[in-house]
N, C-alpha and C. Protein backbone atom coordinates (compact mmCIF):
# COMPACT_ATOMS: atom_id res chain seq x y z
N MET A 1 0.29 -0.58 -26.34
CA MET A 1 -0.75 -0.39 -25.33
C MET A 1 -0.36 -1.10 -24.06
N MET A 2 -0.68 -0.50 -22.96
CA MET A 2 -0.34 -1.07 -21.66
C MET A 2 -1.49 -1.93 -21.15
N LYS A 3 -1.13 -2.99 -20.45
CA LYS A 3 -2.14 -3.83 -19.81
C LYS A 3 -2.59 -3.14 -18.53
N ASN A 4 -3.91 -3.29 -18.20
CA ASN A 4 -4.38 -2.68 -16.97
C ASN A 4 -5.34 -3.62 -16.25
N GLU A 5 -6.26 -3.07 -15.50
CA GLU A 5 -7.14 -3.89 -14.69
C GLU A 5 -8.39 -4.34 -15.45
N LEU A 6 -8.44 -4.17 -16.76
CA LEU A 6 -9.59 -4.64 -17.53
C LEU A 6 -9.47 -6.15 -17.76
N LEU A 7 -10.60 -6.84 -17.55
CA LEU A 7 -10.63 -8.28 -17.74
C LEU A 7 -11.83 -8.64 -18.61
N LEU A 8 -11.59 -9.37 -19.68
CA LEU A 8 -12.66 -9.89 -20.52
C LEU A 8 -12.82 -11.37 -20.20
N SER A 9 -13.99 -11.72 -19.68
CA SER A 9 -14.26 -13.10 -19.28
C SER A 9 -15.20 -13.74 -20.30
N LEU A 10 -14.88 -14.98 -20.69
CA LEU A 10 -15.62 -15.63 -21.77
C LEU A 10 -16.13 -17.01 -21.39
N ASP A 11 -17.41 -17.25 -21.71
CA ASP A 11 -18.00 -18.58 -21.58
C ASP A 11 -18.29 -19.07 -23.00
N PRO A 12 -17.42 -19.92 -23.56
CA PRO A 12 -17.52 -20.29 -24.97
C PRO A 12 -18.46 -21.48 -25.20
N ASP A 13 -19.08 -21.48 -26.38
CA ASP A 13 -19.90 -22.61 -26.78
C ASP A 13 -19.89 -22.65 -28.31
N THR A 14 -20.49 -23.67 -28.89
CA THR A 14 -20.52 -23.78 -30.34
C THR A 14 -21.60 -22.92 -30.97
N LYS A 15 -22.57 -22.48 -30.18
CA LYS A 15 -23.67 -21.67 -30.71
C LYS A 15 -23.67 -20.23 -30.20
N ALA A 16 -22.94 -19.96 -29.15
CA ALA A 16 -22.92 -18.62 -28.56
C ALA A 16 -21.68 -18.47 -27.68
N ILE A 17 -21.31 -17.22 -27.43
CA ILE A 17 -20.21 -16.92 -26.51
C ILE A 17 -20.69 -15.87 -25.53
N GLY A 18 -20.67 -16.20 -24.24
CA GLY A 18 -20.99 -15.21 -23.23
C GLY A 18 -19.75 -14.39 -22.92
N ALA A 19 -19.90 -13.08 -22.82
CA ALA A 19 -18.76 -12.20 -22.57
C ALA A 19 -19.10 -11.21 -21.46
N ALA A 20 -18.13 -10.96 -20.59
CA ALA A 20 -18.32 -10.00 -19.51
C ALA A 20 -17.03 -9.20 -19.34
N LEU A 21 -17.17 -7.90 -19.21
CA LEU A 21 -16.02 -7.02 -19.05
C LEU A 21 -15.99 -6.48 -17.62
N PHE A 22 -14.88 -6.69 -16.95
CA PHE A 22 -14.68 -6.21 -15.58
C PHE A 22 -13.58 -5.16 -15.55
N LYS A 23 -13.75 -4.17 -14.70
CA LYS A 23 -12.67 -3.24 -14.39
C LYS A 23 -12.44 -3.34 -12.89
N GLY A 24 -11.30 -3.91 -12.52
CA GLY A 24 -11.12 -4.25 -11.11
C GLY A 24 -12.14 -5.32 -10.76
N GLY A 25 -12.94 -5.09 -9.74
CA GLY A 25 -13.98 -6.04 -9.38
C GLY A 25 -15.36 -5.60 -9.83
N THR A 26 -15.44 -4.59 -10.68
CA THR A 26 -16.72 -4.03 -11.11
C THR A 26 -17.09 -4.52 -12.50
N LEU A 27 -18.30 -5.04 -12.63
CA LEU A 27 -18.81 -5.47 -13.93
C LEU A 27 -19.19 -4.22 -14.73
N MET A 28 -18.53 -4.04 -15.87
CA MET A 28 -18.78 -2.87 -16.70
C MET A 28 -19.80 -3.14 -17.81
N HIS A 29 -19.76 -4.35 -18.35
CA HIS A 29 -20.62 -4.65 -19.50
C HIS A 29 -20.69 -6.16 -19.68
N TRP A 30 -21.79 -6.63 -20.23
CA TRP A 30 -21.91 -8.04 -20.59
C TRP A 30 -22.64 -8.18 -21.92
N ASN A 31 -22.43 -9.28 -22.59
CA ASN A 31 -23.04 -9.46 -23.90
C ASN A 31 -23.03 -10.95 -24.25
N VAL A 32 -23.85 -11.31 -25.23
CA VAL A 32 -23.83 -12.67 -25.76
C VAL A 32 -23.65 -12.57 -27.27
N LEU A 33 -22.61 -13.20 -27.78
CA LEU A 33 -22.34 -13.22 -29.21
C LEU A 33 -23.03 -14.46 -29.79
N ARG A 34 -23.82 -14.28 -30.84
CA ARG A 34 -24.55 -15.39 -31.43
C ARG A 34 -24.42 -15.37 -32.95
N SER A 35 -24.65 -16.54 -33.55
CA SER A 35 -24.66 -16.66 -35.00
C SER A 35 -25.77 -17.63 -35.40
N GLY A 36 -26.50 -17.27 -36.45
CA GLY A 36 -27.59 -18.12 -36.91
C GLY A 36 -27.18 -19.10 -37.99
N VAL A 37 -25.87 -19.20 -38.25
CA VAL A 37 -25.38 -20.13 -39.28
C VAL A 37 -25.64 -21.57 -38.85
N ASP A 38 -26.15 -22.39 -39.77
CA ASP A 38 -26.50 -23.77 -39.44
C ASP A 38 -25.28 -24.68 -39.31
N ASP A 39 -24.37 -24.59 -40.25
CA ASP A 39 -23.19 -25.46 -40.22
C ASP A 39 -22.33 -25.12 -39.00
N SER A 40 -22.03 -26.13 -38.18
CA SER A 40 -21.36 -25.89 -36.90
C SER A 40 -19.96 -25.29 -37.07
N ILE A 41 -19.18 -25.81 -38.01
CA ILE A 41 -17.82 -25.31 -38.18
C ILE A 41 -17.85 -23.88 -38.69
N ARG A 42 -18.71 -23.61 -39.67
CA ARG A 42 -18.83 -22.25 -40.19
C ARG A 42 -19.33 -21.31 -39.10
N ARG A 43 -20.25 -21.79 -38.27
CA ARG A 43 -20.79 -20.96 -37.18
C ARG A 43 -19.69 -20.59 -36.19
N ILE A 44 -18.83 -21.53 -35.88
CA ILE A 44 -17.71 -21.26 -34.97
C ILE A 44 -16.78 -20.21 -35.56
N GLU A 45 -16.55 -20.29 -36.86
CA GLU A 45 -15.70 -19.31 -37.52
C GLU A 45 -16.33 -17.91 -37.43
N VAL A 46 -17.65 -17.84 -37.62
CA VAL A 46 -18.35 -16.55 -37.53
C VAL A 46 -18.27 -16.01 -36.10
N LEU A 47 -18.52 -16.88 -35.12
CA LEU A 47 -18.44 -16.45 -33.73
C LEU A 47 -17.04 -15.99 -33.37
N GLY A 48 -16.04 -16.70 -33.90
CA GLY A 48 -14.66 -16.29 -33.66
C GLY A 48 -14.37 -14.92 -34.22
N GLY A 49 -14.95 -14.62 -35.39
CA GLY A 49 -14.79 -13.29 -35.97
C GLY A 49 -15.45 -12.22 -35.12
N LEU A 50 -16.64 -12.53 -34.59
CA LEU A 50 -17.34 -11.58 -33.72
C LEU A 50 -16.53 -11.33 -32.44
N LEU A 51 -15.93 -12.41 -31.92
CA LEU A 51 -15.12 -12.29 -30.72
C LEU A 51 -13.88 -11.44 -30.99
N TRP A 52 -13.24 -11.67 -32.12
CA TRP A 52 -12.07 -10.88 -32.50
C TRP A 52 -12.43 -9.40 -32.60
N ASP A 53 -13.55 -9.11 -33.26
CA ASP A 53 -13.99 -7.72 -33.40
C ASP A 53 -14.31 -7.10 -32.04
N THR A 54 -14.93 -7.89 -31.17
CA THR A 54 -15.27 -7.40 -29.83
C THR A 54 -14.02 -6.98 -29.07
N TYR A 55 -12.98 -7.81 -29.12
CA TYR A 55 -11.75 -7.50 -28.38
C TYR A 55 -11.10 -6.24 -28.94
N HIS A 56 -11.01 -6.15 -30.26
CA HIS A 56 -10.34 -4.99 -30.85
C HIS A 56 -11.15 -3.71 -30.69
N ASN A 57 -12.47 -3.83 -30.64
CA ASN A 57 -13.29 -2.66 -30.34
C ASN A 57 -13.05 -2.18 -28.91
N LEU A 58 -12.86 -3.12 -28.00
CA LEU A 58 -12.55 -2.76 -26.61
C LEU A 58 -11.22 -2.01 -26.54
N MET A 59 -10.22 -2.50 -27.27
CA MET A 59 -8.92 -1.83 -27.28
C MET A 59 -9.04 -0.43 -27.86
N ALA A 60 -9.86 -0.28 -28.90
CA ALA A 60 -10.02 1.03 -29.53
C ALA A 60 -10.72 2.01 -28.59
N GLN A 61 -11.67 1.50 -27.80
CA GLN A 61 -12.44 2.36 -26.91
C GLN A 61 -11.68 2.71 -25.64
N THR A 62 -10.95 1.73 -25.10
CA THR A 62 -10.30 1.92 -23.79
C THR A 62 -8.83 2.30 -23.90
N LYS A 63 -8.22 2.10 -25.07
CA LYS A 63 -6.80 2.39 -25.29
C LYS A 63 -5.89 1.50 -24.44
N VAL A 64 -6.39 0.36 -24.03
CA VAL A 64 -5.60 -0.60 -23.26
C VAL A 64 -5.82 -1.99 -23.82
N MET A 65 -5.04 -2.95 -23.33
CA MET A 65 -5.12 -4.33 -23.78
C MET A 65 -5.71 -5.18 -22.65
N PRO A 66 -7.01 -5.48 -22.70
CA PRO A 66 -7.62 -6.25 -21.61
C PRO A 66 -7.01 -7.65 -21.48
N GLU A 67 -6.92 -8.09 -20.24
CA GLU A 67 -6.58 -9.49 -19.98
C GLU A 67 -7.81 -10.33 -20.32
N VAL A 68 -7.59 -11.59 -20.68
CA VAL A 68 -8.69 -12.47 -21.06
C VAL A 68 -8.66 -13.74 -20.21
N VAL A 69 -9.84 -14.16 -19.74
CA VAL A 69 -9.96 -15.47 -19.11
C VAL A 69 -11.08 -16.20 -19.82
N ILE A 70 -10.83 -17.45 -20.19
CA ILE A 70 -11.81 -18.23 -20.94
C ILE A 70 -12.00 -19.59 -20.29
N GLU A 71 -13.25 -20.02 -20.20
CA GLU A 71 -13.54 -21.33 -19.64
C GLU A 71 -13.09 -22.41 -20.61
N THR A 72 -12.42 -23.43 -20.09
CA THR A 72 -11.99 -24.56 -20.91
C THR A 72 -12.74 -25.82 -20.47
N PRO A 73 -12.80 -26.82 -21.32
CA PRO A 73 -13.61 -28.00 -21.02
C PRO A 73 -13.13 -28.77 -19.79
N SER A 74 -14.08 -29.44 -19.19
CA SER A 74 -13.78 -30.35 -18.09
C SER A 74 -13.26 -31.67 -18.65
N ILE A 75 -12.46 -32.34 -17.86
CA ILE A 75 -12.03 -33.68 -18.26
C ILE A 75 -13.15 -34.69 -18.04
N HIS A 76 -14.24 -34.22 -17.40
CA HIS A 76 -15.40 -35.08 -17.15
C HIS A 76 -16.62 -34.48 -17.85
N GLN A 77 -16.54 -34.29 -19.17
CA GLN A 77 -17.64 -33.68 -19.92
C GLN A 77 -18.75 -34.71 -20.15
N ASN A 78 -19.64 -34.83 -19.16
CA ASN A 78 -20.72 -35.80 -19.27
C ASN A 78 -21.84 -35.34 -20.19
N ALA A 79 -22.00 -34.01 -20.30
CA ALA A 79 -23.11 -33.48 -21.09
C ALA A 79 -22.85 -33.59 -22.59
N ARG A 80 -21.63 -33.84 -23.00
CA ARG A 80 -21.28 -33.93 -24.41
C ARG A 80 -20.54 -35.23 -24.66
N SER A 81 -20.70 -35.76 -25.84
CA SER A 81 -19.97 -36.97 -26.18
C SER A 81 -19.80 -37.03 -27.69
N GLY A 82 -18.88 -37.84 -28.14
CA GLY A 82 -18.70 -38.07 -29.56
C GLY A 82 -18.40 -36.81 -30.34
N ALA A 83 -19.14 -36.66 -31.46
CA ALA A 83 -18.91 -35.53 -32.35
C ALA A 83 -19.18 -34.20 -31.66
N GLY A 84 -20.18 -34.16 -30.78
CA GLY A 84 -20.51 -32.92 -30.07
C GLY A 84 -19.35 -32.43 -29.23
N LEU A 85 -18.68 -33.34 -28.55
CA LEU A 85 -17.53 -32.97 -27.72
C LEU A 85 -16.37 -32.52 -28.59
N ALA A 86 -16.19 -33.18 -29.73
CA ALA A 86 -15.10 -32.80 -30.64
C ALA A 86 -15.30 -31.40 -31.19
N VAL A 87 -16.52 -31.08 -31.57
CA VAL A 87 -16.83 -29.75 -32.11
C VAL A 87 -16.67 -28.69 -31.02
N TYR A 88 -17.12 -29.02 -29.81
CA TYR A 88 -16.98 -28.09 -28.68
C TYR A 88 -15.50 -27.82 -28.40
N GLY A 89 -14.70 -28.88 -28.39
CA GLY A 89 -13.26 -28.70 -28.16
C GLY A 89 -12.62 -27.86 -29.24
N PHE A 90 -13.06 -28.06 -30.49
CA PHE A 90 -12.55 -27.26 -31.60
C PHE A 90 -12.91 -25.79 -31.40
N ALA A 91 -14.14 -25.53 -30.96
CA ALA A 91 -14.60 -24.15 -30.76
C ALA A 91 -13.78 -23.45 -29.68
N VAL A 92 -13.61 -24.10 -28.54
CA VAL A 92 -12.85 -23.49 -27.46
C VAL A 92 -11.41 -23.24 -27.88
N GLY A 93 -10.82 -24.21 -28.55
CA GLY A 93 -9.45 -24.03 -29.03
C GLY A 93 -9.32 -22.88 -30.00
N ARG A 94 -10.31 -22.74 -30.88
CA ARG A 94 -10.31 -21.66 -31.86
C ARG A 94 -10.40 -20.30 -31.17
N TYR A 95 -11.33 -20.17 -30.23
CA TYR A 95 -11.51 -18.90 -29.52
C TYR A 95 -10.26 -18.57 -28.69
N TYR A 96 -9.72 -19.59 -28.03
CA TYR A 96 -8.53 -19.36 -27.20
C TYR A 96 -7.37 -18.87 -28.06
N GLU A 97 -7.17 -19.50 -29.22
CA GLU A 97 -6.08 -19.11 -30.11
C GLU A 97 -6.24 -17.65 -30.56
N GLN A 98 -7.47 -17.28 -30.89
CA GLN A 98 -7.72 -15.90 -31.33
C GLN A 98 -7.43 -14.90 -30.22
N MET A 99 -7.86 -15.22 -29.00
CA MET A 99 -7.64 -14.29 -27.89
C MET A 99 -6.16 -14.25 -27.49
N HIS A 100 -5.46 -15.36 -27.65
CA HIS A 100 -4.02 -15.39 -27.37
C HIS A 100 -3.29 -14.46 -28.32
N THR A 101 -3.69 -14.48 -29.57
CA THR A 101 -3.07 -13.60 -30.57
C THR A 101 -3.46 -12.15 -30.33
N ALA A 102 -4.75 -11.90 -30.09
CA ALA A 102 -5.24 -10.53 -29.93
C ALA A 102 -4.67 -9.85 -28.69
N SER A 103 -4.52 -10.62 -27.60
CA SER A 103 -4.10 -10.04 -26.32
C SER A 103 -2.60 -10.14 -26.10
N ASP A 104 -1.86 -10.56 -27.12
CA ASP A 104 -0.42 -10.72 -27.01
C ASP A 104 -0.07 -11.73 -25.91
N GLY A 105 -0.83 -12.81 -25.85
CA GLY A 105 -0.57 -13.88 -24.90
C GLY A 105 -1.13 -13.68 -23.51
N ASN A 106 -1.86 -12.58 -23.30
CA ASN A 106 -2.38 -12.28 -21.97
C ASN A 106 -3.75 -12.93 -21.75
N VAL A 107 -3.78 -14.26 -21.87
CA VAL A 107 -5.02 -15.01 -21.75
C VAL A 107 -4.81 -16.21 -20.84
N SER A 108 -5.81 -16.50 -20.04
CA SER A 108 -5.76 -17.66 -19.13
C SER A 108 -6.95 -18.56 -19.40
N GLY A 109 -6.69 -19.86 -19.46
CA GLY A 109 -7.76 -20.84 -19.57
C GLY A 109 -8.04 -21.44 -18.20
N VAL A 110 -9.30 -21.49 -17.83
CA VAL A 110 -9.69 -22.04 -16.52
C VAL A 110 -10.71 -23.15 -16.75
N SER A 111 -10.41 -24.33 -16.27
CA SER A 111 -11.32 -25.46 -16.41
C SER A 111 -12.64 -25.17 -15.71
N VAL A 112 -13.73 -25.59 -16.32
CA VAL A 112 -15.05 -25.41 -15.71
C VAL A 112 -15.10 -26.10 -14.35
N ASP A 113 -14.36 -27.21 -14.20
CA ASP A 113 -14.31 -27.89 -12.91
C ASP A 113 -13.71 -27.01 -11.82
N GLU A 114 -12.66 -26.28 -12.20
CA GLU A 114 -11.93 -25.48 -11.21
C GLU A 114 -12.76 -24.34 -10.65
N TRP A 115 -13.36 -23.54 -11.53
CA TRP A 115 -14.03 -22.35 -11.01
C TRP A 115 -15.42 -22.63 -10.45
N THR A 116 -16.14 -23.62 -11.02
CA THR A 116 -17.47 -23.91 -10.49
C THR A 116 -17.41 -24.64 -9.16
N ARG A 117 -16.25 -25.20 -8.84
CA ARG A 117 -16.09 -25.88 -7.56
C ARG A 117 -16.30 -24.92 -6.39
N ASP A 118 -16.02 -23.64 -6.62
CA ASP A 118 -16.19 -22.63 -5.57
C ASP A 118 -17.58 -22.00 -5.57
N CYS A 119 -18.42 -22.39 -6.52
CA CYS A 119 -19.78 -21.87 -6.59
C CYS A 119 -20.71 -22.89 -5.94
N ARG A 120 -20.94 -22.73 -4.66
CA ARG A 120 -21.72 -23.71 -3.92
C ARG A 120 -22.96 -23.08 -3.30
N SER A 121 -24.03 -23.86 -3.27
CA SER A 121 -25.25 -23.42 -2.61
C SER A 121 -25.08 -23.56 -1.11
N ARG A 122 -25.97 -22.92 -0.37
CA ARG A 122 -25.90 -23.03 1.09
C ARG A 122 -26.24 -24.45 1.53
N ALA A 123 -25.72 -24.81 2.68
CA ALA A 123 -26.00 -26.14 3.22
C ALA A 123 -27.50 -26.33 3.39
N GLY A 124 -27.98 -27.47 2.98
CA GLY A 124 -29.40 -27.73 3.05
C GLY A 124 -29.85 -28.22 4.42
N PRO A 125 -31.14 -28.46 4.57
CA PRO A 125 -31.67 -28.95 5.84
C PRO A 125 -31.20 -30.36 6.14
N ALA A 126 -31.46 -30.81 7.33
CA ALA A 126 -31.11 -32.17 7.76
C ALA A 126 -29.62 -32.44 7.63
N GLY A 127 -28.83 -31.37 7.80
CA GLY A 127 -27.38 -31.56 7.80
C GLY A 127 -26.77 -31.75 6.44
N GLY A 128 -27.53 -31.50 5.39
CA GLY A 128 -26.99 -31.68 4.05
C GLY A 128 -25.91 -30.65 3.74
N GLY A 129 -24.82 -31.07 3.14
CA GLY A 129 -23.72 -30.17 2.84
C GLY A 129 -24.01 -29.32 1.61
N ALA A 130 -23.25 -28.24 1.47
CA ALA A 130 -23.40 -27.36 0.32
C ALA A 130 -22.98 -28.09 -0.95
N ARG A 131 -23.74 -27.92 -2.00
CA ARG A 131 -23.45 -28.59 -3.26
C ARG A 131 -23.04 -27.56 -4.32
N ILE A 132 -22.30 -28.04 -5.32
CA ILE A 132 -21.92 -27.16 -6.43
C ILE A 132 -23.18 -26.74 -7.16
N MET A 133 -23.30 -25.45 -7.44
CA MET A 133 -24.49 -24.92 -8.10
C MET A 133 -24.61 -25.43 -9.52
N SER A 134 -25.84 -25.57 -9.95
CA SER A 134 -26.10 -25.87 -11.35
C SER A 134 -25.98 -24.58 -12.16
N LYS A 135 -26.00 -24.69 -13.47
CA LYS A 135 -25.93 -23.51 -14.33
C LYS A 135 -27.10 -22.57 -14.06
N VAL A 136 -28.28 -23.13 -13.84
CA VAL A 136 -29.47 -22.32 -13.54
C VAL A 136 -29.30 -21.58 -12.22
N GLN A 137 -28.78 -22.27 -11.21
CA GLN A 137 -28.55 -21.63 -9.91
C GLN A 137 -27.51 -20.53 -9.99
N ARG A 138 -26.46 -20.75 -10.79
CA ARG A 138 -25.44 -19.71 -10.94
C ARG A 138 -26.04 -18.47 -11.61
N ALA A 139 -26.90 -18.69 -12.61
CA ALA A 139 -27.54 -17.56 -13.29
C ALA A 139 -28.43 -16.77 -12.33
N ALA A 140 -29.15 -17.48 -11.46
CA ALA A 140 -30.00 -16.81 -10.48
C ALA A 140 -29.17 -16.00 -9.50
N THR A 141 -28.02 -16.53 -9.10
CA THR A 141 -27.12 -15.82 -8.20
C THR A 141 -26.56 -14.57 -8.85
N VAL A 142 -26.18 -14.68 -10.13
CA VAL A 142 -25.67 -13.52 -10.87
C VAL A 142 -26.75 -12.45 -10.99
N ALA A 143 -27.98 -12.87 -11.29
CA ALA A 143 -29.09 -11.93 -11.42
C ALA A 143 -29.35 -11.18 -10.11
N ALA A 144 -29.17 -11.88 -8.98
CA ALA A 144 -29.39 -11.25 -7.68
C ALA A 144 -28.26 -10.30 -7.31
N GLU A 145 -27.06 -10.56 -7.80
CA GLU A 145 -25.89 -9.77 -7.41
C GLU A 145 -25.62 -8.59 -8.34
N TYR A 146 -25.98 -8.74 -9.61
CA TYR A 146 -25.66 -7.69 -10.60
C TYR A 146 -26.95 -7.14 -11.20
N GLU A 147 -27.27 -5.91 -10.90
CA GLU A 147 -28.52 -5.29 -11.35
C GLU A 147 -28.59 -5.16 -12.87
N THR A 148 -27.45 -5.01 -13.51
CA THR A 148 -27.44 -4.79 -14.96
C THR A 148 -27.65 -6.08 -15.75
N TYR A 149 -27.56 -7.22 -15.10
CA TYR A 149 -27.74 -8.49 -15.80
C TYR A 149 -29.22 -8.80 -15.96
N ASP A 150 -29.61 -9.14 -17.17
CA ASP A 150 -31.01 -9.46 -17.48
C ASP A 150 -31.08 -10.88 -18.04
N PRO A 151 -31.54 -11.85 -17.24
CA PRO A 151 -31.59 -13.23 -17.70
C PRO A 151 -32.49 -13.43 -18.92
N ALA A 152 -33.45 -12.53 -19.12
CA ALA A 152 -34.34 -12.65 -20.27
C ALA A 152 -33.61 -12.45 -21.59
N LYS A 153 -32.46 -11.78 -21.52
CA LYS A 153 -31.65 -11.54 -22.72
C LYS A 153 -30.46 -12.49 -22.82
N ASP A 154 -30.50 -13.54 -22.02
CA ASP A 154 -29.35 -14.45 -21.94
C ASP A 154 -29.81 -15.90 -22.02
N GLU A 155 -30.38 -16.28 -23.14
CA GLU A 155 -30.80 -17.66 -23.33
C GLU A 155 -29.59 -18.59 -23.27
N GLY A 156 -29.69 -19.59 -22.43
CA GLY A 156 -28.58 -20.51 -22.25
C GLY A 156 -27.64 -20.11 -21.13
N SER A 157 -27.86 -18.93 -20.55
CA SER A 157 -27.08 -18.42 -19.40
C SER A 157 -25.58 -18.33 -19.70
N HIS A 158 -25.24 -18.05 -20.95
CA HIS A 158 -23.82 -17.93 -21.30
C HIS A 158 -23.19 -16.68 -20.67
N ALA A 159 -23.91 -15.57 -20.72
CA ALA A 159 -23.37 -14.34 -20.11
C ALA A 159 -23.28 -14.49 -18.60
N ALA A 160 -24.27 -15.17 -18.00
CA ALA A 160 -24.24 -15.38 -16.55
C ALA A 160 -22.99 -16.12 -16.12
N ASP A 161 -22.64 -17.16 -16.87
CA ASP A 161 -21.43 -17.91 -16.53
C ASP A 161 -20.17 -17.09 -16.82
N ALA A 162 -20.20 -16.25 -17.85
CA ALA A 162 -19.05 -15.38 -18.11
C ALA A 162 -18.86 -14.41 -16.95
N ILE A 163 -19.96 -13.88 -16.43
CA ILE A 163 -19.90 -12.96 -15.29
C ILE A 163 -19.38 -13.69 -14.05
N ALA A 164 -19.95 -14.88 -13.79
CA ALA A 164 -19.54 -15.65 -12.61
C ALA A 164 -18.07 -16.04 -12.70
N LEU A 165 -17.62 -16.45 -13.88
CA LEU A 165 -16.22 -16.81 -14.07
C LEU A 165 -15.32 -15.60 -13.84
N GLY A 166 -15.70 -14.46 -14.41
CA GLY A 166 -14.89 -13.24 -14.25
C GLY A 166 -14.79 -12.82 -12.79
N ALA A 167 -15.91 -12.88 -12.08
CA ALA A 167 -15.90 -12.51 -10.66
C ALA A 167 -15.01 -13.46 -9.86
N TRP A 168 -15.10 -14.74 -10.17
CA TRP A 168 -14.24 -15.74 -9.50
C TRP A 168 -12.77 -15.45 -9.78
N PHE A 169 -12.45 -15.15 -11.04
CA PHE A 169 -11.06 -14.90 -11.43
C PHE A 169 -10.50 -13.67 -10.73
N VAL A 170 -11.32 -12.63 -10.62
CA VAL A 170 -10.89 -11.41 -9.92
C VAL A 170 -10.60 -11.70 -8.46
N ARG A 171 -11.50 -12.45 -7.80
CA ARG A 171 -11.28 -12.82 -6.39
C ARG A 171 -10.02 -13.64 -6.23
N LYS A 172 -9.82 -14.58 -7.12
CA LYS A 172 -8.63 -15.44 -7.06
C LYS A 172 -7.36 -14.61 -7.22
N ARG A 173 -7.37 -13.68 -8.17
CA ARG A 173 -6.21 -12.83 -8.40
C ARG A 173 -5.92 -11.94 -7.19
N GLU A 174 -6.97 -11.39 -6.58
CA GLU A 174 -6.80 -10.54 -5.40
C GLU A 174 -6.22 -11.35 -4.24
N ALA A 175 -6.70 -12.58 -4.08
CA ALA A 175 -6.18 -13.44 -3.00
C ALA A 175 -4.71 -13.76 -3.23
N GLU A 176 -4.34 -14.03 -4.48
CA GLU A 176 -2.94 -14.33 -4.81
C GLU A 176 -2.05 -13.11 -4.53
N ARG A 177 -2.54 -11.93 -4.88
CA ARG A 177 -1.77 -10.71 -4.64
C ARG A 177 -1.61 -10.45 -3.14
N ALA A 178 -2.66 -10.74 -2.38
CA ALA A 178 -2.59 -10.55 -0.93
C ALA A 178 -1.56 -11.49 -0.31
N ILE A 179 -1.51 -12.73 -0.79
CA ILE A 179 -0.53 -13.69 -0.29
C ILE A 179 0.88 -13.24 -0.62
N LEU A 180 1.07 -12.78 -1.86
CA LEU A 180 2.40 -12.31 -2.27
C LEU A 180 2.83 -11.10 -1.45
N ALA A 181 1.88 -10.19 -1.18
CA ALA A 181 2.19 -9.00 -0.38
C ALA A 181 2.58 -9.40 1.04
N ALA A 182 1.85 -10.37 1.61
CA ALA A 182 2.16 -10.83 2.96
C ALA A 182 3.53 -11.50 3.01
N GLU A 183 3.83 -12.28 1.98
CA GLU A 183 5.14 -12.94 1.92
C GLU A 183 6.27 -11.92 1.80
N GLU A 184 6.03 -10.87 1.01
CA GLU A 184 7.04 -9.83 0.85
C GLU A 184 7.28 -9.08 2.16
N LEU A 185 6.20 -8.79 2.89
CA LEU A 185 6.34 -8.13 4.19
C LEU A 185 7.12 -9.01 5.17
N ALA A 186 6.82 -10.31 5.14
CA ALA A 186 7.53 -11.24 6.02
C ALA A 186 9.02 -11.29 5.68
N LYS A 187 9.35 -11.27 4.39
CA LYS A 187 10.76 -11.28 3.96
C LYS A 187 11.47 -10.03 4.44
N ARG A 188 10.79 -8.88 4.30
CA ARG A 188 11.40 -7.62 4.72
C ARG A 188 11.63 -7.59 6.23
N ALA A 189 10.63 -8.11 6.97
CA ALA A 189 10.77 -8.15 8.43
C ALA A 189 11.93 -9.04 8.83
N THR A 190 12.06 -10.19 8.17
CA THR A 190 13.16 -11.12 8.47
C THR A 190 14.51 -10.48 8.15
N LYS A 191 14.55 -9.76 7.01
CA LYS A 191 15.79 -9.10 6.60
C LYS A 191 16.20 -8.03 7.61
N LYS A 192 15.22 -7.24 8.08
CA LYS A 192 15.51 -6.21 9.07
C LYS A 192 16.01 -6.82 10.37
N LYS A 193 15.38 -7.93 10.75
CA LYS A 193 15.77 -8.61 12.00
C LYS A 193 17.21 -9.11 11.90
N ARG A 194 17.57 -9.68 10.76
CA ARG A 194 18.93 -10.18 10.57
C ARG A 194 19.94 -9.03 10.56
N THR A 195 19.54 -7.90 9.94
CA THR A 195 20.43 -6.73 9.89
C THR A 195 20.70 -6.20 11.29
N ARG A 196 19.65 -6.10 12.10
CA ARG A 196 19.81 -5.63 13.48
C ARG A 196 20.69 -6.57 14.27
N LYS A 197 20.54 -7.88 14.04
CA LYS A 197 21.34 -8.86 14.77
C LYS A 197 22.81 -8.74 14.39
N LYS A 198 23.08 -8.54 13.09
CA LYS A 198 24.47 -8.39 12.65
C LYS A 198 25.11 -7.16 13.28
N LYS A 199 24.35 -6.06 13.32
CA LYS A 199 24.86 -4.83 13.93
C LYS A 199 25.14 -5.04 15.41
N ALA A 200 24.25 -5.76 16.07
CA ALA A 200 24.43 -6.01 17.50
C ALA A 200 25.66 -6.89 17.74
N ASP A 201 25.88 -7.86 16.85
CA ASP A 201 27.03 -8.75 17.00
C ASP A 201 28.35 -8.02 16.78
N ARG A 202 28.32 -6.99 15.92
CA ARG A 202 29.53 -6.23 15.63
C ARG A 202 29.83 -5.15 16.68
N SER A 203 28.81 -4.80 17.47
CA SER A 203 28.99 -3.74 18.46
C SER A 203 29.93 -4.21 19.56
N PRO A 204 30.87 -3.32 20.04
CA PRO A 204 31.78 -3.70 21.15
C PRO A 204 31.02 -3.93 22.44
N VAL A 205 31.45 -4.92 23.18
CA VAL A 205 30.80 -5.21 24.44
C VAL A 205 31.49 -4.42 25.53
N THR A 206 30.74 -3.63 26.28
CA THR A 206 31.31 -2.83 27.36
C THR A 206 31.00 -3.49 28.67
N GLY A 207 32.00 -3.52 29.51
CA GLY A 207 31.79 -4.13 30.83
C GLY A 207 32.37 -3.28 31.93
N ALA A 208 32.17 -3.64 33.14
CA ALA A 208 32.71 -2.90 34.29
C ALA A 208 34.22 -3.06 34.33
N SER A 209 34.92 -1.97 34.64
CA SER A 209 36.37 -2.02 34.75
C SER A 209 36.78 -2.40 36.15
């Protein structure tokens, strides 16, 4: 199967996984994978199985191999500590490993610090600078931008963050491609200029007799 412009974006957690499918810059579908299993390790295994099935169902339906981007933990995980952080790290590692295998290595991990840094609210009154959005603010922004997103069906805003992450990743990729294209044009222009100069240097100089 050939890789194409399909992107599966994931917001992983120990109790749910938010998933969003993009084609180019268009949101095609979103979902939240959940498990009611009480034991945390067993629940992660169940969620991993649901995620595996989701990816392979996408391949069966689209006949292509979607790229995957998954949020990875921050080095400043203040909201989790101790055993909770260890279980969360295990969950993300488990999901990442599964997607790495399923996508033939076509998976990228993006730190929550990296992508949320670009999600900022507007500058406030009294000269206050724009601040990084909270999870609730990001969900509200997603709801305003994507008509198909329904926050009532997304407890915990996992799908909202999957959508926001996917949109950020698409913009980042487009910007990188634009830079590469500009650099390639500049190289070609420089090469043409050097070629013309060499031809001019080799041309015989004619003067008055």
